[in-house]
Amino acid sequence: MTSAESTQAEAIVQVATRLFAALGYDGTTTRQIAEAAGLNIATVSYHVGGKRELYLAVMENAHRVERAALESAIAEFSGRDTATLVHGIVDRYLDFCVAHRDVATLWMHRWLSDAADISDLEQRYTHPLATLVLEAVEGPGAGA
C-alpha cells in the first residue's frame, strides 16, 4: 500500500469512526461512509473492505488509542500507593473519554446490542484492558 493509499484508508477509518459512533454499526451503511468520505463505494471497499472489515478496523484503532492512554496513566502513577494509582488511572481514563468521545460512544452502541453479529470484540479488546489495569493495581506477582 502506498502512502497515498494508506492516507486515504486512514481517512476512511476516521469518517467511519464518526458515523459508527453517531449511528451505530447497524444504523450505518457503506454508502453513507463513502459519501461522507467523498468517495464511491468501490474505492472504500478497495481500501478497507466491506462494512464488517471497516468496523473491525475502527474498533482496532479505538483499542490502540485506549490502550495507549491506559498504559500512559499506569506509567504515570505506578509506584504510588494503591489509592493514588486507582484515582490517577480513573482520572486519566475519564480525560480520555472526554477527549475521544467517539471511542466511548462506539462501546455504548456495542453494549446496547449493536453489531451483535460480531461476537468477540469484548474478549479481544475490553478484557485485555481490564487485565492491564487489574495487574497494575494488584502489583507484580499478585494472585500468583
N, C-alpha and C. Protein backbone atom coordinates (compact mmCIF):
# COMPACT_ATOMS: atom_id res chain seq x y z
N MET A 1 0.85 -1.17 0.00
CA MET A 1 0.00 0.00 0.00
C MET A 1 0.90 1.24 0.00
N THR A 2 0.65 2.14 -0.94
CA THR A 2 1.43 3.37 -1.00
C THR A 2 1.03 4.31 0.13
N SER A 3 1.81 5.35 0.35
CA SER A 3 1.47 6.28 1.43
C SER A 3 0.18 7.02 1.12
N ALA A 4 -0.10 7.30 -0.15
CA ALA A 4 -1.37 7.95 -0.52
C ALA A 4 -2.54 7.03 -0.23
N GLU A 5 -2.37 5.73 -0.54
CA GLU A 5 -3.43 4.77 -0.25
C GLU A 5 -3.63 4.62 1.25
N SER A 6 -2.52 4.59 1.99
CA SER A 6 -2.60 4.49 3.44
C SER A 6 -3.31 5.70 4.03
N THR A 7 -2.99 6.88 3.52
CA THR A 7 -3.65 8.11 3.99
C THR A 7 -5.14 8.07 3.69
N GLN A 8 -5.51 7.59 2.50
CA GLN A 8 -6.92 7.50 2.15
C GLN A 8 -7.63 6.48 3.03
N ALA A 9 -7.00 5.35 3.30
CA ALA A 9 -7.59 4.34 4.17
C ALA A 9 -7.78 4.90 5.58
N GLU A 10 -6.79 5.64 6.09
CA GLU A 10 -6.91 6.25 7.42
C GLU A 10 -8.06 7.26 7.46
N ALA A 11 -8.21 8.02 6.39
CA ALA A 11 -9.31 9.00 6.32
C ALA A 11 -10.66 8.29 6.33
N ILE A 12 -10.74 7.18 5.62
CA ILE A 12 -12.00 6.41 5.58
C ILE A 12 -12.30 5.87 6.98
N VAL A 13 -11.29 5.36 7.68
CA VAL A 13 -11.49 4.85 9.03
C VAL A 13 -11.97 5.96 9.96
N GLN A 14 -11.41 7.16 9.81
CA GLN A 14 -11.84 8.28 10.66
C GLN A 14 -13.29 8.66 10.39
N VAL A 15 -13.67 8.71 9.13
CA VAL A 15 -15.07 9.02 8.78
C VAL A 15 -15.98 7.92 9.33
N ALA A 16 -15.58 6.67 9.14
CA ALA A 16 -16.38 5.55 9.62
C ALA A 16 -16.50 5.58 11.14
N THR A 17 -15.44 5.96 11.82
CA THR A 17 -15.49 6.07 13.28
C THR A 17 -16.58 7.04 13.70
N ARG A 18 -16.59 8.21 13.08
CA ARG A 18 -17.61 9.21 13.43
C ARG A 18 -19.02 8.71 13.14
N LEU A 19 -19.21 8.06 11.99
CA LEU A 19 -20.55 7.58 11.65
C LEU A 19 -20.98 6.40 12.52
N PHE A 20 -20.08 5.45 12.75
CA PHE A 20 -20.43 4.33 13.64
C PHE A 20 -20.73 4.83 15.05
N ALA A 21 -20.00 5.84 15.50
CA ALA A 21 -20.27 6.40 16.83
C ALA A 21 -21.61 7.13 16.85
N ALA A 22 -21.94 7.82 15.79
CA ALA A 22 -23.19 8.58 15.75
C ALA A 22 -24.41 7.70 15.52
N LEU A 23 -24.28 6.73 14.62
CA LEU A 23 -25.44 5.95 14.19
C LEU A 23 -25.39 4.48 14.59
N GLY A 24 -24.26 4.03 15.08
CA GLY A 24 -24.08 2.62 15.38
C GLY A 24 -23.70 1.84 14.14
N TYR A 25 -23.18 0.66 14.34
CA TYR A 25 -22.81 -0.22 13.23
C TYR A 25 -24.05 -0.58 12.42
N ASP A 26 -25.09 -0.99 13.13
CA ASP A 26 -26.30 -1.43 12.44
C ASP A 26 -27.00 -0.30 11.69
N GLY A 27 -26.83 0.93 12.14
CA GLY A 27 -27.51 2.07 11.52
C GLY A 27 -26.69 2.78 10.46
N THR A 28 -25.49 2.32 10.22
CA THR A 28 -24.61 2.97 9.25
C THR A 28 -24.44 2.08 8.02
N THR A 29 -24.50 2.69 6.86
CA THR A 29 -24.29 1.94 5.62
C THR A 29 -22.93 2.30 5.03
N THR A 30 -22.44 1.40 4.21
CA THR A 30 -21.20 1.67 3.50
C THR A 30 -21.37 2.87 2.58
N ARG A 31 -22.54 3.00 2.00
CA ARG A 31 -22.82 4.14 1.13
C ARG A 31 -22.70 5.46 1.91
N GLN A 32 -23.21 5.50 3.13
CA GLN A 32 -23.08 6.71 3.95
C GLN A 32 -21.61 7.03 4.23
N ILE A 33 -20.84 6.00 4.52
CA ILE A 33 -19.42 6.20 4.80
C ILE A 33 -18.73 6.74 3.55
N ALA A 34 -19.01 6.13 2.40
CA ALA A 34 -18.39 6.58 1.15
C ALA A 34 -18.77 8.03 0.86
N GLU A 35 -20.05 8.36 0.99
CA GLU A 35 -20.48 9.74 0.73
C GLU A 35 -19.83 10.72 1.68
N ALA A 36 -19.75 10.38 2.96
CA ALA A 36 -19.14 11.28 3.94
C ALA A 36 -17.64 11.45 3.68
N ALA A 37 -17.02 10.43 3.12
CA ALA A 37 -15.59 10.50 2.80
C ALA A 37 -15.35 11.14 1.43
N GLY A 38 -16.42 11.38 0.69
CA GLY A 38 -16.28 11.96 -0.65
C GLY A 38 -15.75 10.97 -1.67
N LEU A 39 -16.09 9.69 -1.47
CA LEU A 39 -15.60 8.63 -2.34
C LEU A 39 -16.77 7.78 -2.81
N ASN A 40 -16.49 6.89 -3.77
CA ASN A 40 -17.52 5.93 -4.14
C ASN A 40 -17.32 4.65 -3.35
N ILE A 41 -18.33 3.81 -3.33
CA ILE A 41 -18.29 2.59 -2.53
C ILE A 41 -17.14 1.67 -2.96
N ALA A 42 -16.88 1.61 -4.25
CA ALA A 42 -15.80 0.75 -4.74
C ALA A 42 -14.45 1.18 -4.17
N THR A 43 -14.22 2.47 -4.06
CA THR A 43 -12.96 2.98 -3.52
C THR A 43 -12.85 2.64 -2.04
N VAL A 44 -13.94 2.80 -1.31
CA VAL A 44 -13.94 2.44 0.11
C VAL A 44 -13.65 0.96 0.26
N SER A 45 -14.33 0.15 -0.51
CA SER A 45 -14.14 -1.30 -0.46
C SER A 45 -12.70 -1.68 -0.81
N TYR A 46 -12.12 -1.04 -1.79
CA TYR A 46 -10.74 -1.31 -2.20
C TYR A 46 -9.77 -1.05 -1.05
N HIS A 47 -9.97 0.04 -0.34
CA HIS A 47 -9.03 0.44 0.71
C HIS A 47 -9.24 -0.28 2.03
N VAL A 48 -10.48 -0.57 2.39
CA VAL A 48 -10.72 -1.11 3.73
C VAL A 48 -11.62 -2.34 3.75
N GLY A 49 -12.12 -2.77 2.63
CA GLY A 49 -13.01 -3.92 2.59
C GLY A 49 -14.46 -3.51 2.80
N GLY A 50 -15.27 -4.46 3.21
CA GLY A 50 -16.68 -4.20 3.43
C GLY A 50 -16.95 -3.57 4.79
N LYS A 51 -18.21 -3.44 5.09
CA LYS A 51 -18.63 -2.78 6.34
C LYS A 51 -18.06 -3.48 7.57
N ARG A 52 -18.12 -4.79 7.58
CA ARG A 52 -17.61 -5.55 8.74
C ARG A 52 -16.11 -5.30 8.94
N GLU A 53 -15.33 -5.39 7.86
CA GLU A 53 -13.89 -5.17 7.96
C GLU A 53 -13.58 -3.74 8.40
N LEU A 54 -14.37 -2.81 7.90
CA LEU A 54 -14.19 -1.42 8.28
C LEU A 54 -14.49 -1.22 9.76
N TYR A 55 -15.56 -1.83 10.24
CA TYR A 55 -15.91 -1.74 11.66
C TYR A 55 -14.81 -2.35 12.52
N LEU A 56 -14.28 -3.48 12.09
CA LEU A 56 -13.19 -4.10 12.84
C LEU A 56 -11.96 -3.20 12.86
N ALA A 57 -11.68 -2.52 11.76
CA ALA A 57 -10.55 -1.58 11.73
C ALA A 57 -10.81 -0.40 12.67
N VAL A 58 -12.04 0.07 12.71
CA VAL A 58 -12.41 1.17 13.62
C VAL A 58 -12.21 0.73 15.06
N MET A 59 -12.69 -0.45 15.40
CA MET A 59 -12.57 -0.93 16.78
C MET A 59 -11.12 -1.22 17.15
N GLU A 60 -10.33 -1.71 16.22
CA GLU A 60 -8.90 -1.94 16.47
C GLU A 60 -8.20 -0.61 16.74
N ASN A 61 -8.51 0.39 15.93
CA ASN A 61 -7.92 1.72 16.13
C ASN A 61 -8.35 2.30 17.48
N ALA A 62 -9.61 2.16 17.82
CA ALA A 62 -10.11 2.64 19.11
C ALA A 62 -9.37 1.94 20.25
N HIS A 63 -9.16 0.66 20.11
CA HIS A 63 -8.44 -0.11 21.13
C HIS A 63 -7.01 0.39 21.29
N ARG A 64 -6.34 0.65 20.18
CA ARG A 64 -4.95 1.12 20.26
C ARG A 64 -4.85 2.44 21.02
N VAL A 65 -5.71 3.39 20.72
CA VAL A 65 -5.61 4.68 21.41
C VAL A 65 -6.05 4.55 22.87
N GLU A 66 -7.03 3.70 23.14
CA GLU A 66 -7.47 3.48 24.52
C GLU A 66 -6.36 2.80 25.33
N ARG A 67 -5.73 1.80 24.75
CA ARG A 67 -4.63 1.10 25.44
C ARG A 67 -3.47 2.05 25.71
N ALA A 68 -3.13 2.88 24.74
CA ALA A 68 -2.04 3.84 24.93
C ALA A 68 -2.35 4.79 26.08
N ALA A 69 -3.59 5.23 26.18
CA ALA A 69 -3.98 6.14 27.27
C ALA A 69 -3.87 5.44 28.62
N LEU A 70 -4.32 4.20 28.70
CA LEU A 70 -4.23 3.46 29.96
C LEU A 70 -2.78 3.16 30.33
N GLU A 71 -1.98 2.76 29.36
CA GLU A 71 -0.57 2.49 29.64
C GLU A 71 0.14 3.75 30.14
N SER A 72 -0.18 4.88 29.54
CA SER A 72 0.41 6.15 29.97
C SER A 72 0.00 6.49 31.41
N ALA A 73 -1.27 6.30 31.72
CA ALA A 73 -1.75 6.57 33.09
C ALA A 73 -1.09 5.64 34.09
N ILE A 74 -0.98 4.38 33.74
CA ILE A 74 -0.33 3.41 34.64
C ILE A 74 1.12 3.79 34.86
N ALA A 75 1.81 4.16 33.80
CA ALA A 75 3.22 4.55 33.93
C ALA A 75 3.35 5.81 34.80
N GLU A 76 2.43 6.74 34.62
CA GLU A 76 2.48 7.99 35.38
C GLU A 76 2.28 7.76 36.88
N PHE A 77 1.39 6.84 37.23
CA PHE A 77 1.04 6.67 38.64
C PHE A 77 1.60 5.41 39.28
N SER A 78 2.32 4.58 38.54
CA SER A 78 2.87 3.38 39.14
C SER A 78 3.92 3.76 40.19
N GLY A 79 4.03 2.92 41.19
CA GLY A 79 4.97 3.19 42.26
C GLY A 79 4.36 4.01 43.39
N ARG A 80 3.16 4.46 43.20
CA ARG A 80 2.48 5.21 44.25
C ARG A 80 1.55 4.28 45.00
N ASP A 81 0.97 4.76 46.09
CA ASP A 81 0.06 3.91 46.86
C ASP A 81 -1.15 3.55 45.98
N THR A 82 -1.81 2.47 46.36
CA THR A 82 -2.90 1.93 45.55
C THR A 82 -4.01 2.95 45.30
N ALA A 83 -4.40 3.70 46.32
CA ALA A 83 -5.48 4.68 46.14
C ALA A 83 -5.08 5.74 45.12
N THR A 84 -3.86 6.23 45.19
CA THR A 84 -3.39 7.24 44.24
C THR A 84 -3.33 6.65 42.83
N LEU A 85 -2.86 5.43 42.73
CA LEU A 85 -2.80 4.75 41.44
C LEU A 85 -4.20 4.61 40.82
N VAL A 86 -5.15 4.11 41.60
CA VAL A 86 -6.51 3.91 41.10
C VAL A 86 -7.13 5.24 40.71
N HIS A 87 -7.02 6.23 41.58
CA HIS A 87 -7.60 7.54 41.26
C HIS A 87 -6.94 8.15 40.03
N GLY A 88 -5.64 8.00 39.92
CA GLY A 88 -4.93 8.53 38.75
C GLY A 88 -5.37 7.87 37.46
N ILE A 89 -5.49 6.54 37.48
CA ILE A 89 -5.93 5.81 36.28
C ILE A 89 -7.35 6.23 35.91
N VAL A 90 -8.24 6.28 36.90
CA VAL A 90 -9.63 6.66 36.62
C VAL A 90 -9.70 8.08 36.08
N ASP A 91 -8.96 8.99 36.69
CA ASP A 91 -8.96 10.38 36.24
C ASP A 91 -8.46 10.49 34.81
N ARG A 92 -7.36 9.82 34.48
CA ARG A 92 -6.83 9.88 33.12
C ARG A 92 -7.78 9.19 32.13
N TYR A 93 -8.43 8.13 32.58
CA TYR A 93 -9.38 7.45 31.69
C TYR A 93 -10.58 8.34 31.40
N LEU A 94 -11.06 9.03 32.40
CA LEU A 94 -12.16 9.97 32.16
C LEU A 94 -11.72 11.09 31.21
N ASP A 95 -10.50 11.58 31.38
CA ASP A 95 -9.95 12.57 30.44
C ASP A 95 -9.94 12.00 29.02
N PHE A 96 -9.53 10.75 28.91
CA PHE A 96 -9.51 10.08 27.60
C PHE A 96 -10.91 10.03 27.00
N CYS A 97 -11.89 9.64 27.81
CA CYS A 97 -13.27 9.52 27.31
C CYS A 97 -13.81 10.86 26.83
N VAL A 98 -13.46 11.94 27.52
CA VAL A 98 -13.89 13.27 27.10
C VAL A 98 -13.19 13.66 25.80
N ALA A 99 -11.91 13.37 25.70
CA ALA A 99 -11.14 13.73 24.50
C ALA A 99 -11.45 12.84 23.30
N HIS A 100 -11.91 11.63 23.57
CA HIS A 100 -12.18 10.65 22.50
C HIS A 100 -13.61 10.13 22.65
N ARG A 101 -14.55 11.02 22.56
CA ARG A 101 -15.96 10.64 22.77
C ARG A 101 -16.42 9.55 21.83
N ASP A 102 -15.88 9.53 20.62
CA ASP A 102 -16.29 8.51 19.67
C ASP A 102 -15.98 7.11 20.18
N VAL A 103 -14.86 6.94 20.89
CA VAL A 103 -14.50 5.62 21.40
C VAL A 103 -15.52 5.16 22.44
N ALA A 104 -15.84 6.05 23.37
CA ALA A 104 -16.84 5.69 24.39
C ALA A 104 -18.20 5.43 23.75
N THR A 105 -18.55 6.22 22.75
CA THR A 105 -19.84 6.05 22.09
C THR A 105 -19.90 4.75 21.30
N LEU A 106 -18.80 4.38 20.66
CA LEU A 106 -18.76 3.10 19.95
C LEU A 106 -19.08 1.95 20.90
N TRP A 107 -18.48 1.99 22.09
CA TRP A 107 -18.72 0.93 23.07
C TRP A 107 -20.14 1.00 23.62
N MET A 108 -20.67 2.18 23.80
CA MET A 108 -22.06 2.28 24.28
C MET A 108 -23.02 1.64 23.28
N HIS A 109 -22.81 1.94 22.00
CA HIS A 109 -23.64 1.29 20.97
C HIS A 109 -23.48 -0.23 21.06
N ARG A 110 -22.26 -0.66 21.18
CA ARG A 110 -21.97 -2.09 21.25
C ARG A 110 -22.70 -2.75 22.41
N TRP A 111 -22.65 -2.11 23.57
CA TRP A 111 -23.27 -2.69 24.76
C TRP A 111 -24.79 -2.59 24.73
N LEU A 112 -25.32 -1.87 23.76
CA LEU A 112 -26.77 -1.82 23.56
C LEU A 112 -27.17 -2.72 22.39
N SER A 113 -26.37 -3.76 22.16
CA SER A 113 -26.61 -4.82 21.17
C SER A 113 -26.31 -4.42 19.74
N ASP A 114 -25.52 -3.39 19.52
CA ASP A 114 -25.09 -3.03 18.17
C ASP A 114 -24.02 -4.02 17.72
N ALA A 115 -24.00 -4.31 16.45
CA ALA A 115 -23.01 -5.23 15.87
C ALA A 115 -23.01 -6.58 16.58
N ALA A 116 -24.19 -7.07 16.90
CA ALA A 116 -24.32 -8.33 17.64
C ALA A 116 -23.75 -9.51 16.86
N ASP A 117 -23.65 -9.38 15.54
CA ASP A 117 -23.11 -10.48 14.74
C ASP A 117 -21.59 -10.60 14.84
N ILE A 118 -20.95 -9.63 15.48
CA ILE A 118 -19.51 -9.69 15.71
C ILE A 118 -19.32 -10.02 17.18
N SER A 119 -19.01 -11.27 17.45
CA SER A 119 -19.16 -11.79 18.81
C SER A 119 -17.97 -11.64 19.75
N ASP A 120 -16.78 -11.37 19.27
CA ASP A 120 -15.63 -11.47 20.16
C ASP A 120 -14.94 -10.14 20.47
N LEU A 121 -15.59 -9.03 20.28
CA LEU A 121 -14.94 -7.73 20.50
C LEU A 121 -14.55 -7.51 21.95
N GLU A 122 -15.41 -7.88 22.86
CA GLU A 122 -15.08 -7.71 24.28
C GLU A 122 -13.87 -8.56 24.66
N GLN A 123 -13.86 -9.78 24.21
CA GLN A 123 -12.73 -10.67 24.51
C GLN A 123 -11.44 -10.11 23.91
N ARG A 124 -11.54 -9.58 22.73
CA ARG A 124 -10.37 -9.07 22.03
C ARG A 124 -9.86 -7.74 22.59
N TYR A 125 -10.80 -6.88 23.03
CA TYR A 125 -10.41 -5.51 23.36
C TYR A 125 -10.65 -5.09 24.81
N THR A 126 -11.79 -5.35 25.38
CA THR A 126 -12.03 -4.85 26.73
C THR A 126 -11.37 -5.72 27.80
N HIS A 127 -11.37 -7.01 27.61
CA HIS A 127 -10.75 -7.89 28.61
C HIS A 127 -9.26 -7.63 28.78
N PRO A 128 -8.49 -7.49 27.70
CA PRO A 128 -7.06 -7.19 27.89
C PRO A 128 -6.83 -5.85 28.61
N LEU A 129 -7.68 -4.87 28.36
CA LEU A 129 -7.52 -3.58 29.05
C LEU A 129 -7.86 -3.70 30.53
N ALA A 130 -8.90 -4.45 30.83
CA ALA A 130 -9.26 -4.67 32.24
C ALA A 130 -8.14 -5.42 32.95
N THR A 131 -7.56 -6.40 32.27
CA THR A 131 -6.44 -7.16 32.85
C THR A 131 -5.23 -6.26 33.07
N LEU A 132 -4.94 -5.39 32.12
CA LEU A 132 -3.83 -4.45 32.24
C LEU A 132 -3.98 -3.59 33.49
N VAL A 133 -5.17 -3.04 33.69
CA VAL A 133 -5.41 -2.19 34.86
C VAL A 133 -5.38 -3.01 36.14
N LEU A 134 -6.01 -4.17 36.13
CA LEU A 134 -6.03 -5.03 37.33
C LEU A 134 -4.61 -5.42 37.74
N GLU A 135 -3.79 -5.80 36.78
CA GLU A 135 -2.41 -6.17 37.11
C GLU A 135 -1.62 -4.98 37.65
N ALA A 136 -1.89 -3.81 37.13
CA ALA A 136 -1.20 -2.60 37.64
C ALA A 136 -1.60 -2.31 39.08
N VAL A 137 -2.87 -2.50 39.37
CA VAL A 137 -3.38 -2.20 40.71
C VAL A 137 -2.95 -3.28 41.70
N GLU A 138 -2.98 -4.53 41.29
CA GLU A 138 -2.60 -5.62 42.19
C GLU A 138 -1.09 -5.67 42.41
N GLY A 139 -0.33 -5.16 41.47
CA GLY A 139 1.12 -5.16 41.60
C GLY A 139 1.74 -6.43 41.09
N PRO A 140 3.07 -6.43 40.94
CA PRO A 140 3.76 -7.60 40.43
C PRO A 140 3.61 -8.81 41.35
N GLY A 141 3.33 -9.93 40.71
CA GLY A 141 3.24 -11.18 41.47
C GLY A 141 1.94 -11.38 42.20
N ALA A 142 1.01 -10.42 42.11
CA ALA A 142 -0.27 -10.60 42.81
C ALA A 142 -1.04 -11.74 42.18
N GLY A 143 -1.71 -12.47 42.99
CA GLY A 143 -2.52 -13.59 42.51
C GLY A 143 -1.71 -14.82 42.15
N ALA A 144 -0.41 -14.76 42.30
CA ALA A 144 0.43 -15.92 41.93
C ALA A 144 0.52 -16.89 43.07
